[in-house]
Amino acid sequence: MRSLKLTFPYAGQQVRSVDWSLLLMGAIILLSVLYQFRLTTESVNYWSVRVERIETQRQKKIAPRVRSTSHVREVGQEIQQEIIQANAIMNQINLPWESLFDSIEQASSKEIALLSLQPNVANRTLRIGGEAKTMSALLDFVEAIEREIIFEKAHLLNYKIKQNSPQQPVGFLLIASWIEIS
């Protein structure tokens, strides 16, 4: 049997310049990612504080000190518009996503392929689009959605059997209202 020649690093061995350059590049990338993270965090904090301040002013009905000029009224209207947009975003963020997804997951089967979920926060409805292998699988899915605790009034809006496909799946769109679970 031939002997194996292994070369282990020893105390006098020099580190190659490629190793140092890779280490330097990694350190530069790490520093740039940390800098970007810091900028993003500062921006998020700025907007969070601004929204909180505006909300507290709105709740206390304390109008900020303003001069009675048309420019100030325009700025006030812009701030009100920003508050409305921020509240709409907060309502979408505060959707019961986990409960909705868990219920849909429990109701679906291998015969159902979900293609879209479109929540409507104002009406508290969820439009579910997808395809079913058979019409009976689709009807079973609608019934299963109705049986879920978080949903009420699940309705099949439309369906279409795709004749040009060999399996002839059923494309569907249904709508379900969700309820608040505390």
N, C-alpha and C. Protein backbone atom coordinates (compact mmCIF):
# COMPACT_ATOMS: atom_id res chain seq x y z
N MET A 1 0.84 -1.17 0.00
CA MET A 1 0.00 0.00 0.00
C MET A 1 0.89 1.24 0.00
N ARG A 2 0.50 2.26 -0.80
CA ARG A 2 1.31 3.47 -0.88
C ARG A 2 1.02 4.38 0.29
N SER A 3 2.01 5.13 0.67
CA SER A 3 1.82 6.05 1.80
C SER A 3 1.13 7.34 1.31
N LEU A 4 0.37 7.89 2.18
CA LEU A 4 -0.40 9.10 1.89
C LEU A 4 0.42 10.32 2.31
N LYS A 5 0.50 11.31 1.46
CA LYS A 5 1.25 12.53 1.80
C LYS A 5 0.25 13.63 2.13
N LEU A 6 0.14 13.92 3.41
CA LEU A 6 -0.75 14.98 3.87
C LEU A 6 0.08 16.17 4.31
N THR A 7 -0.38 17.35 3.95
CA THR A 7 0.33 18.56 4.34
C THR A 7 -0.58 19.33 5.29
N PHE A 8 -0.19 19.44 6.53
CA PHE A 8 -0.94 20.20 7.52
C PHE A 8 -0.27 21.55 7.71
N PRO A 9 -1.07 22.56 8.03
CA PRO A 9 -0.42 23.85 8.26
C PRO A 9 0.44 23.80 9.52
N TYR A 10 1.52 24.47 9.46
CA TYR A 10 2.42 24.54 10.61
C TYR A 10 2.65 26.00 10.96
N ALA A 11 3.28 26.21 12.07
CA ALA A 11 3.42 27.55 12.62
C ALA A 11 4.10 28.51 11.64
N GLY A 12 5.00 28.05 10.86
CA GLY A 12 5.73 28.94 9.97
C GLY A 12 5.06 29.15 8.63
N GLN A 13 3.99 28.47 8.36
CA GLN A 13 3.34 28.56 7.06
C GLN A 13 2.64 29.91 6.90
N GLN A 14 2.71 30.51 5.74
CA GLN A 14 2.12 31.81 5.49
C GLN A 14 0.72 31.66 4.92
N VAL A 15 -0.14 32.61 5.27
CA VAL A 15 -1.49 32.62 4.74
C VAL A 15 -1.44 33.27 3.36
N ARG A 16 -2.13 32.65 2.43
CA ARG A 16 -2.11 33.17 1.06
C ARG A 16 -2.88 34.48 0.96
N SER A 17 -2.55 35.27 0.00
CA SER A 17 -3.21 36.56 -0.18
C SER A 17 -4.67 36.39 -0.57
N VAL A 18 -5.00 35.29 -1.21
CA VAL A 18 -6.39 35.03 -1.58
C VAL A 18 -7.24 34.89 -0.32
N ASP A 19 -6.71 34.21 0.68
CA ASP A 19 -7.44 34.04 1.94
C ASP A 19 -7.72 35.39 2.59
N TRP A 20 -6.71 36.25 2.63
CA TRP A 20 -6.89 37.57 3.23
C TRP A 20 -7.89 38.41 2.44
N SER A 21 -7.83 38.33 1.13
CA SER A 21 -8.75 39.12 0.31
C SER A 21 -10.19 38.63 0.49
N LEU A 22 -10.40 37.32 0.58
CA LEU A 22 -11.75 36.79 0.83
C LEU A 22 -12.26 37.22 2.20
N LEU A 23 -11.38 37.19 3.20
CA LEU A 23 -11.77 37.64 4.53
C LEU A 23 -12.13 39.12 4.52
N LEU A 24 -11.37 39.93 3.83
CA LEU A 24 -11.63 41.36 3.72
C LEU A 24 -12.95 41.63 3.00
N MET A 25 -13.20 40.91 1.90
CA MET A 25 -14.47 41.08 1.17
C MET A 25 -15.65 40.69 2.05
N GLY A 26 -15.54 39.62 2.80
CA GLY A 26 -16.61 39.21 3.70
C GLY A 26 -16.88 40.25 4.77
N ALA A 27 -15.82 40.82 5.31
CA ALA A 27 -15.98 41.85 6.34
C ALA A 27 -16.65 43.10 5.75
N ILE A 28 -16.29 43.48 4.54
CA ILE A 28 -16.90 44.65 3.89
C ILE A 28 -18.38 44.40 3.63
N ILE A 29 -18.71 43.23 3.16
CA ILE A 29 -20.12 42.89 2.91
C ILE A 29 -20.90 42.90 4.22
N LEU A 30 -20.33 42.35 5.27
CA LEU A 30 -20.99 42.34 6.57
C LEU A 30 -21.24 43.75 7.06
N LEU A 31 -20.25 44.62 6.94
CA LEU A 31 -20.42 46.00 7.38
C LEU A 31 -21.49 46.73 6.56
N SER A 32 -21.55 46.48 5.26
CA SER A 32 -22.56 47.13 4.44
C SER A 32 -23.96 46.63 4.79
N VAL A 33 -24.11 45.35 5.09
CA VAL A 33 -25.41 44.82 5.49
C VAL A 33 -25.82 45.40 6.83
N LEU A 34 -24.90 45.52 7.78
CA LEU A 34 -25.20 46.11 9.07
C LEU A 34 -25.60 47.59 8.93
N TYR A 35 -24.92 48.30 8.05
CA TYR A 35 -25.25 49.71 7.82
C TYR A 35 -26.64 49.84 7.22
N GLN A 36 -26.97 49.01 6.25
CA GLN A 36 -28.29 49.03 5.63
C GLN A 36 -29.37 48.68 6.65
N PHE A 37 -29.08 47.72 7.52
CA PHE A 37 -30.03 47.33 8.58
C PHE A 37 -30.28 48.50 9.52
N ARG A 38 -29.22 49.21 9.87
CA ARG A 38 -29.36 50.36 10.76
C ARG A 38 -30.21 51.45 10.12
N LEU A 39 -29.99 51.73 8.84
CA LEU A 39 -30.79 52.74 8.15
C LEU A 39 -32.26 52.34 8.09
N THR A 40 -32.51 51.09 7.81
CA THR A 40 -33.89 50.60 7.73
C THR A 40 -34.56 50.68 9.09
N THR A 41 -33.84 50.29 10.14
CA THR A 41 -34.39 50.34 11.49
C THR A 41 -34.71 51.77 11.89
N GLU A 42 -33.83 52.70 11.57
CA GLU A 42 -34.09 54.10 11.88
C GLU A 42 -35.32 54.62 11.14
N SER A 43 -35.47 54.23 9.89
CA SER A 43 -36.62 54.65 9.11
C SER A 43 -37.91 54.09 9.69
N VAL A 44 -37.90 52.83 10.06
CA VAL A 44 -39.09 52.20 10.66
C VAL A 44 -39.43 52.89 11.98
N ASN A 45 -38.44 53.16 12.79
CA ASN A 45 -38.68 53.83 14.06
C ASN A 45 -39.23 55.24 13.85
N TYR A 46 -38.71 55.96 12.88
CA TYR A 46 -39.19 57.30 12.60
C TYR A 46 -40.67 57.28 12.24
N TRP A 47 -41.05 56.39 11.33
CA TRP A 47 -42.45 56.33 10.90
C TRP A 47 -43.35 55.81 12.01
N SER A 48 -42.87 54.91 12.83
CA SER A 48 -43.68 54.41 13.94
C SER A 48 -43.97 55.53 14.93
N VAL A 49 -42.95 56.30 15.27
CA VAL A 49 -43.13 57.41 16.21
C VAL A 49 -44.05 58.45 15.60
N ARG A 50 -43.91 58.71 14.33
CA ARG A 50 -44.75 59.71 13.69
C ARG A 50 -46.21 59.28 13.69
N VAL A 51 -46.47 58.02 13.37
CA VAL A 51 -47.85 57.52 13.36
C VAL A 51 -48.43 57.54 14.77
N GLU A 52 -47.65 57.16 15.76
CA GLU A 52 -48.13 57.18 17.15
C GLU A 52 -48.46 58.61 17.59
N ARG A 53 -47.61 59.55 17.24
CA ARG A 53 -47.84 60.94 17.62
C ARG A 53 -49.11 61.46 16.96
N ILE A 54 -49.29 61.16 15.71
CA ILE A 54 -50.48 61.62 15.00
C ILE A 54 -51.73 60.97 15.59
N GLU A 55 -51.65 59.69 15.92
CA GLU A 55 -52.79 59.00 16.51
C GLU A 55 -53.15 59.58 17.87
N THR A 56 -52.16 59.87 18.70
CA THR A 56 -52.47 60.44 20.01
C THR A 56 -53.08 61.82 19.87
N GLN A 57 -52.59 62.61 18.93
CA GLN A 57 -53.18 63.93 18.69
C GLN A 57 -54.61 63.79 18.22
N ARG A 58 -54.84 62.82 17.38
CA ARG A 58 -56.19 62.60 16.84
C ARG A 58 -57.13 62.11 17.94
N GLN A 59 -56.66 61.23 18.81
CA GLN A 59 -57.50 60.69 19.86
C GLN A 59 -57.83 61.75 20.91
N LYS A 60 -56.89 62.57 21.23
CA LYS A 60 -57.11 63.60 22.24
C LYS A 60 -57.79 64.83 21.67
N LYS A 61 -57.99 64.84 20.38
CA LYS A 61 -58.61 65.98 19.70
C LYS A 61 -57.84 67.26 19.93
N ILE A 62 -56.54 67.13 20.08
CA ILE A 62 -55.69 68.31 20.24
C ILE A 62 -55.15 68.66 18.88
N ALA A 63 -55.52 69.79 18.44
CA ALA A 63 -55.02 70.24 17.15
C ALA A 63 -53.62 70.82 17.34
N PRO A 64 -52.69 70.49 16.49
CA PRO A 64 -51.37 71.09 16.62
C PRO A 64 -51.43 72.59 16.36
N ARG A 65 -50.50 73.30 16.96
CA ARG A 65 -50.47 74.74 16.77
C ARG A 65 -50.17 75.03 15.31
N VAL A 66 -51.09 75.71 14.67
CA VAL A 66 -50.92 76.02 13.26
C VAL A 66 -51.31 77.46 13.00
N ARG A 67 -50.76 77.97 11.97
CA ARG A 67 -51.16 79.29 11.53
C ARG A 67 -52.34 79.12 10.58
N SER A 68 -53.19 80.07 10.56
CA SER A 68 -54.38 79.97 9.72
C SER A 68 -54.07 80.42 8.30
N THR A 69 -53.36 79.61 7.60
CA THR A 69 -53.09 79.89 6.19
C THR A 69 -53.54 78.70 5.38
N SER A 70 -53.69 78.90 4.11
CA SER A 70 -54.14 77.82 3.24
C SER A 70 -53.08 76.72 3.15
N HIS A 71 -51.80 77.11 3.25
CA HIS A 71 -50.73 76.12 3.20
C HIS A 71 -50.82 75.15 4.38
N VAL A 72 -51.12 75.67 5.54
CA VAL A 72 -51.23 74.84 6.73
C VAL A 72 -52.41 73.89 6.60
N ARG A 73 -53.52 74.37 6.05
CA ARG A 73 -54.69 73.51 5.85
C ARG A 73 -54.38 72.39 4.87
N GLU A 74 -53.60 72.70 3.82
CA GLU A 74 -53.20 71.66 2.87
C GLU A 74 -52.34 70.62 3.55
N VAL A 75 -51.41 71.06 4.39
CA VAL A 75 -50.55 70.12 5.12
C VAL A 75 -51.39 69.28 6.06
N GLY A 76 -52.36 69.89 6.74
CA GLY A 76 -53.25 69.16 7.63
C GLY A 76 -54.04 68.10 6.88
N GLN A 77 -54.49 68.42 5.68
CA GLN A 77 -55.23 67.45 4.88
C GLN A 77 -54.31 66.32 4.44
N GLU A 78 -53.06 66.65 4.11
CA GLU A 78 -52.10 65.61 3.73
C GLU A 78 -51.84 64.67 4.90
N ILE A 79 -51.73 65.23 6.10
CA ILE A 79 -51.51 64.40 7.29
C ILE A 79 -52.72 63.52 7.54
N GLN A 80 -53.91 64.07 7.39
CA GLN A 80 -55.12 63.25 7.57
C GLN A 80 -55.16 62.11 6.55
N GLN A 81 -54.75 62.41 5.33
CA GLN A 81 -54.71 61.36 4.30
C GLN A 81 -53.69 60.30 4.67
N GLU A 82 -52.54 60.70 5.19
CA GLU A 82 -51.53 59.75 5.63
C GLU A 82 -52.04 58.88 6.77
N ILE A 83 -52.80 59.48 7.68
CA ILE A 83 -53.38 58.73 8.80
C ILE A 83 -54.36 57.69 8.28
N ILE A 84 -55.18 58.08 7.33
CA ILE A 84 -56.15 57.14 6.76
C ILE A 84 -55.43 55.98 6.08
N GLN A 85 -54.37 56.29 5.33
CA GLN A 85 -53.61 55.23 4.68
C GLN A 85 -52.91 54.34 5.70
N ALA A 86 -52.36 54.94 6.75
CA ALA A 86 -51.69 54.14 7.78
C ALA A 86 -52.69 53.23 8.50
N ASN A 87 -53.89 53.75 8.78
CA ASN A 87 -54.91 52.91 9.42
C ASN A 87 -55.33 51.76 8.52
N ALA A 88 -55.45 52.01 7.22
CA ALA A 88 -55.81 50.94 6.29
C ALA A 88 -54.73 49.86 6.27
N ILE A 89 -53.47 50.28 6.29
CA ILE A 89 -52.37 49.32 6.31
C ILE A 89 -52.37 48.55 7.62
N MET A 90 -52.61 49.22 8.72
CA MET A 90 -52.65 48.54 10.02
C MET A 90 -53.81 47.53 10.07
N ASN A 91 -54.94 47.88 9.48
CA ASN A 91 -56.06 46.93 9.44
C ASN A 91 -55.71 45.69 8.64
N GLN A 92 -54.96 45.87 7.55
CA GLN A 92 -54.56 44.71 6.76
C GLN A 92 -53.53 43.87 7.51
N ILE A 93 -52.64 44.54 8.22
CA ILE A 93 -51.63 43.80 8.99
C ILE A 93 -52.29 43.04 10.13
N ASN A 94 -53.32 43.62 10.73
CA ASN A 94 -53.98 43.01 11.87
C ASN A 94 -55.03 41.98 11.50
N LEU A 95 -55.07 41.58 10.24
CA LEU A 95 -55.99 40.50 9.86
C LEU A 95 -55.64 39.24 10.63
N PRO A 96 -56.62 38.41 10.91
CA PRO A 96 -56.31 37.14 11.59
C PRO A 96 -55.72 36.13 10.62
N TRP A 97 -54.54 36.45 10.08
CA TRP A 97 -53.93 35.63 9.03
C TRP A 97 -53.76 34.19 9.45
N GLU A 98 -53.25 33.98 10.65
CA GLU A 98 -52.98 32.61 11.09
C GLU A 98 -54.25 31.78 11.14
N SER A 99 -55.31 32.34 11.69
CA SER A 99 -56.59 31.63 11.77
C SER A 99 -57.16 31.37 10.38
N LEU A 100 -57.07 32.37 9.50
CA LEU A 100 -57.57 32.19 8.14
C LEU A 100 -56.83 31.09 7.41
N PHE A 101 -55.50 31.14 7.46
CA PHE A 101 -54.71 30.13 6.75
C PHE A 101 -54.90 28.74 7.34
N ASP A 102 -54.96 28.65 8.67
CA ASP A 102 -55.18 27.35 9.29
C ASP A 102 -56.53 26.77 8.88
N SER A 103 -57.56 27.59 8.85
CA SER A 103 -58.89 27.11 8.47
C SER A 103 -58.93 26.67 7.01
N ILE A 104 -58.29 27.44 6.15
CA ILE A 104 -58.26 27.07 4.72
C ILE A 104 -57.47 25.78 4.54
N GLU A 105 -56.38 25.67 5.26
CA GLU A 105 -55.56 24.46 5.17
C GLU A 105 -56.33 23.23 5.64
N GLN A 106 -57.12 23.38 6.70
CA GLN A 106 -57.93 22.27 7.20
C GLN A 106 -59.01 21.88 6.20
N ALA A 107 -59.57 22.86 5.52
CA ALA A 107 -60.68 22.60 4.61
C ALA A 107 -60.21 22.03 3.28
N SER A 108 -59.00 22.34 2.85
CA SER A 108 -58.56 21.92 1.53
C SER A 108 -58.09 20.47 1.54
N SER A 109 -58.07 19.89 0.35
CA SER A 109 -57.63 18.51 0.19
C SER A 109 -56.66 18.45 -0.99
N LYS A 110 -56.23 17.24 -1.31
CA LYS A 110 -55.30 17.09 -2.43
C LYS A 110 -55.97 17.32 -3.78
N GLU A 111 -57.28 17.33 -3.78
CA GLU A 111 -58.01 17.55 -5.03
C GLU A 111 -58.28 19.02 -5.31
N ILE A 112 -57.86 19.89 -4.39
CA ILE A 112 -58.08 21.33 -4.53
C ILE A 112 -56.73 22.02 -4.65
N ALA A 113 -56.61 22.89 -5.65
CA ALA A 113 -55.40 23.71 -5.81
C ALA A 113 -55.82 25.17 -5.66
N LEU A 114 -55.34 25.82 -4.61
CA LEU A 114 -55.68 27.22 -4.38
C LEU A 114 -54.74 28.10 -5.19
N LEU A 115 -55.30 29.04 -5.92
CA LEU A 115 -54.50 29.91 -6.78
C LEU A 115 -54.44 31.35 -6.27
N SER A 116 -55.47 31.79 -5.54
CA SER A 116 -55.43 33.17 -5.04
C SER A 116 -56.29 33.31 -3.79
N LEU A 117 -55.84 34.21 -2.92
CA LEU A 117 -56.58 34.62 -1.72
C LEU A 117 -56.58 36.14 -1.72
N GLN A 118 -57.76 36.74 -1.74
CA GLN A 118 -57.86 38.19 -1.77
C GLN A 118 -58.74 38.67 -0.62
N PRO A 119 -58.12 39.18 0.46
CA PRO A 119 -58.94 39.67 1.57
C PRO A 119 -59.48 41.06 1.29
N ASN A 120 -60.67 41.31 1.79
CA ASN A 120 -61.27 42.64 1.75
C ASN A 120 -61.54 43.02 3.20
N VAL A 121 -60.71 43.90 3.75
CA VAL A 121 -60.78 44.24 5.17
C VAL A 121 -62.08 44.96 5.49
N ALA A 122 -62.52 45.83 4.62
CA ALA A 122 -63.72 46.62 4.90
C ALA A 122 -64.95 45.73 5.05
N ASN A 123 -65.10 44.76 4.17
CA ASN A 123 -66.26 43.88 4.22
C ASN A 123 -66.01 42.60 5.01
N ARG A 124 -64.77 42.40 5.43
CA ARG A 124 -64.36 41.19 6.14
C ARG A 124 -64.70 39.94 5.34
N THR A 125 -64.34 39.98 4.06
CA THR A 125 -64.57 38.84 3.18
C THR A 125 -63.24 38.39 2.58
N LEU A 126 -63.22 37.15 2.15
CA LEU A 126 -62.04 36.57 1.53
C LEU A 126 -62.47 35.89 0.25
N ARG A 127 -61.88 36.31 -0.87
CA ARG A 127 -62.15 35.67 -2.15
C ARG A 127 -61.09 34.61 -2.37
N ILE A 128 -61.53 33.41 -2.64
CA ILE A 128 -60.63 32.28 -2.82
C ILE A 128 -60.81 31.77 -4.24
N GLY A 129 -59.73 31.76 -4.99
CA GLY A 129 -59.75 31.25 -6.36
C GLY A 129 -58.89 30.01 -6.45
N GLY A 130 -59.32 29.07 -7.29
CA GLY A 130 -58.53 27.86 -7.44
C GLY A 130 -59.11 26.92 -8.45
N GLU A 131 -58.60 25.68 -8.41
CA GLU A 131 -59.07 24.62 -9.29
C GLU A 131 -59.31 23.37 -8.48
N ALA A 132 -60.35 22.63 -8.88
CA ALA A 132 -60.66 21.36 -8.24
C ALA A 132 -60.62 20.28 -9.32
N LYS A 133 -60.26 19.07 -8.91
CA LYS A 133 -60.21 17.97 -9.88
C LYS A 133 -61.60 17.60 -10.37
N THR A 134 -62.55 17.62 -9.45
CA THR A 134 -63.92 17.26 -9.81
C THR A 134 -64.89 18.26 -9.17
N MET A 135 -66.12 18.23 -9.66
CA MET A 135 -67.14 19.10 -9.11
C MET A 135 -67.49 18.68 -7.68
N SER A 136 -67.50 17.38 -7.39
CA SER A 136 -67.81 16.94 -6.03
C SER A 136 -66.72 17.38 -5.06
N ALA A 137 -65.45 17.40 -5.48
CA ALA A 137 -64.37 17.88 -4.63
C ALA A 137 -64.55 19.37 -4.34
N LEU A 138 -65.02 20.12 -5.33
CA LEU A 138 -65.27 21.54 -5.15
C LEU A 138 -66.39 21.77 -4.13
N LEU A 139 -67.47 21.04 -4.27
CA LEU A 139 -68.59 21.20 -3.34
C LEU A 139 -68.20 20.78 -1.93
N ASP A 140 -67.40 19.74 -1.82
CA ASP A 140 -66.91 19.32 -0.50
C ASP A 140 -66.04 20.42 0.12
N PHE A 141 -65.24 21.09 -0.70
CA PHE A 141 -64.39 22.18 -0.21
C PHE A 141 -65.24 23.34 0.30
N VAL A 142 -66.28 23.71 -0.45
CA VAL A 142 -67.15 24.81 -0.02
C VAL A 142 -67.83 24.45 1.30
N GLU A 143 -68.30 23.22 1.43
CA GLU A 143 -68.92 22.79 2.68
C GLU A 143 -67.93 22.80 3.83
N ALA A 144 -66.69 22.38 3.55
CA ALA A 144 -65.67 22.37 4.60
C ALA A 144 -65.33 23.79 5.05
N ILE A 145 -65.30 24.73 4.12
CA ILE A 145 -65.06 26.13 4.47
C ILE A 145 -66.19 26.64 5.37
N GLU A 146 -67.43 26.30 5.03
CA GLU A 146 -68.57 26.74 5.84
C GLU A 146 -68.52 26.16 7.25
N ARG A 147 -67.97 24.95 7.40
CA ARG A 147 -67.91 24.31 8.71
C ARG A 147 -66.81 24.90 9.60
N GLU A 148 -65.86 25.59 9.02
CA GLU A 148 -64.78 26.18 9.82
C GLU A 148 -65.34 27.28 10.72
N ILE A 149 -64.77 27.38 11.91
CA ILE A 149 -65.28 28.31 12.93
C ILE A 149 -65.13 29.77 12.50
N ILE A 150 -64.03 30.09 11.88
CA ILE A 150 -63.75 31.49 11.56
C ILE A 150 -64.57 32.01 10.38
N PHE A 151 -65.06 31.11 9.52
CA PHE A 151 -65.80 31.54 8.33
C PHE A 151 -67.30 31.40 8.54
N GLU A 152 -68.00 32.27 7.86
CA GLU A 152 -69.45 32.17 7.78
C GLU A 152 -69.86 32.60 6.39
N LYS A 153 -70.97 32.11 5.93
CA LYS A 153 -71.53 32.51 4.64
C LYS A 153 -70.54 32.30 3.49
N ALA A 154 -70.10 31.08 3.29
CA ALA A 154 -69.24 30.78 2.15
C ALA A 154 -70.12 30.51 0.93
N HIS A 155 -69.85 31.23 -0.16
CA HIS A 155 -70.66 31.10 -1.38
C HIS A 155 -69.75 30.88 -2.57
N LEU A 156 -70.19 30.03 -3.46
CA LEU A 156 -69.49 29.81 -4.72
C LEU A 156 -69.96 30.87 -5.70
N LEU A 157 -69.06 31.78 -6.10
CA LEU A 157 -69.44 32.86 -7.01
C LEU A 157 -69.57 32.36 -8.44
N ASN A 158 -68.56 31.62 -8.89
CA ASN A 158 -68.65 31.03 -10.23
C ASN A 158 -67.69 29.86 -10.35
N TYR A 159 -67.93 29.07 -11.36
CA TYR A 159 -67.05 27.94 -11.67
C TYR A 159 -67.09 27.69 -13.16
N LYS A 160 -66.07 27.02 -13.65
CA LYS A 160 -66.00 26.71 -15.07
C LYS A 160 -65.21 25.44 -15.25
N ILE A 161 -65.80 24.49 -15.93
CA ILE A 161 -65.10 23.24 -16.25
C ILE A 161 -64.24 23.51 -17.47
N LYS A 162 -62.97 23.25 -17.34
CA LYS A 162 -62.02 23.52 -18.42
C LYS A 162 -62.03 22.34 -19.39
N GLN A 163 -62.74 22.51 -20.49
CA GLN A 163 -62.93 21.44 -21.46
C GLN A 163 -61.66 21.14 -22.25
N ASN A 164 -60.79 22.11 -22.40
CA ASN A 164 -59.60 21.92 -23.22
C ASN A 164 -58.49 21.16 -22.50
N SER A 165 -58.64 20.93 -21.21
CA SER A 165 -57.64 20.18 -20.45
C SER A 165 -58.06 18.71 -20.40
N PRO A 166 -57.11 17.77 -20.45
CA PRO A 166 -57.48 16.34 -20.45
C PRO A 166 -58.18 15.90 -19.17
N GLN A 167 -57.80 16.44 -18.00
CA GLN A 167 -58.44 16.04 -16.75
C GLN A 167 -59.75 16.80 -16.51
N GLN A 168 -59.99 17.85 -17.25
CA GLN A 168 -61.15 18.71 -17.13
C GLN A 168 -61.35 19.22 -15.69
N PRO A 169 -60.37 19.98 -15.17
CA PRO A 169 -60.52 20.52 -13.82
C PRO A 169 -61.60 21.61 -13.79
N VAL A 170 -62.05 21.90 -12.59
CA VAL A 170 -63.09 22.91 -12.40
C VAL A 170 -62.43 24.14 -11.77
N GLY A 171 -62.37 25.23 -12.52
CA GLY A 171 -61.88 26.49 -11.98
C GLY A 171 -63.00 27.15 -11.19
N PHE A 172 -62.67 27.72 -10.05
CA PHE A 172 -63.73 28.28 -9.21
C PHE A 172 -63.28 29.56 -8.53
N LEU A 173 -64.29 30.30 -8.08
CA LEU A 173 -64.08 31.50 -7.27
C LEU A 173 -65.18 31.50 -6.22
N LEU A 174 -64.77 31.50 -4.95
CA LEU A 174 -65.76 31.55 -3.88
C LEU A 174 -65.42 32.68 -2.93
N ILE A 175 -66.41 33.09 -2.19
CA ILE A 175 -66.24 34.17 -1.24
C ILE A 175 -66.76 33.72 0.11
N ALA A 176 -66.02 34.06 1.16
CA ALA A 176 -66.41 33.70 2.51
C ALA A 176 -66.18 34.89 3.44
N SER A 177 -67.09 35.10 4.35
CA SER A 177 -66.93 36.15 5.36
C SER A 177 -66.29 35.55 6.59
N TRP A 178 -65.39 36.31 7.22
CA TRP A 178 -64.80 35.80 8.45
C TRP A 178 -65.35 36.58 9.64
N ILE A 179 -65.29 35.95 10.78
CA ILE A 179 -65.79 36.56 12.02
C ILE A 179 -64.61 36.75 12.95
N GLU A 180 -64.77 37.69 13.88
CA GLU A 180 -63.72 37.94 14.87
C GLU A 180 -63.78 36.86 15.94
N ILE A 181 -62.65 36.25 16.20
CA ILE A 181 -62.55 35.26 17.28
C ILE A 181 -61.63 35.83 18.33
N SER A 182 -62.15 35.99 19.52
CA SER A 182 -61.35 36.59 20.59
C SER A 182 -60.77 35.52 21.47
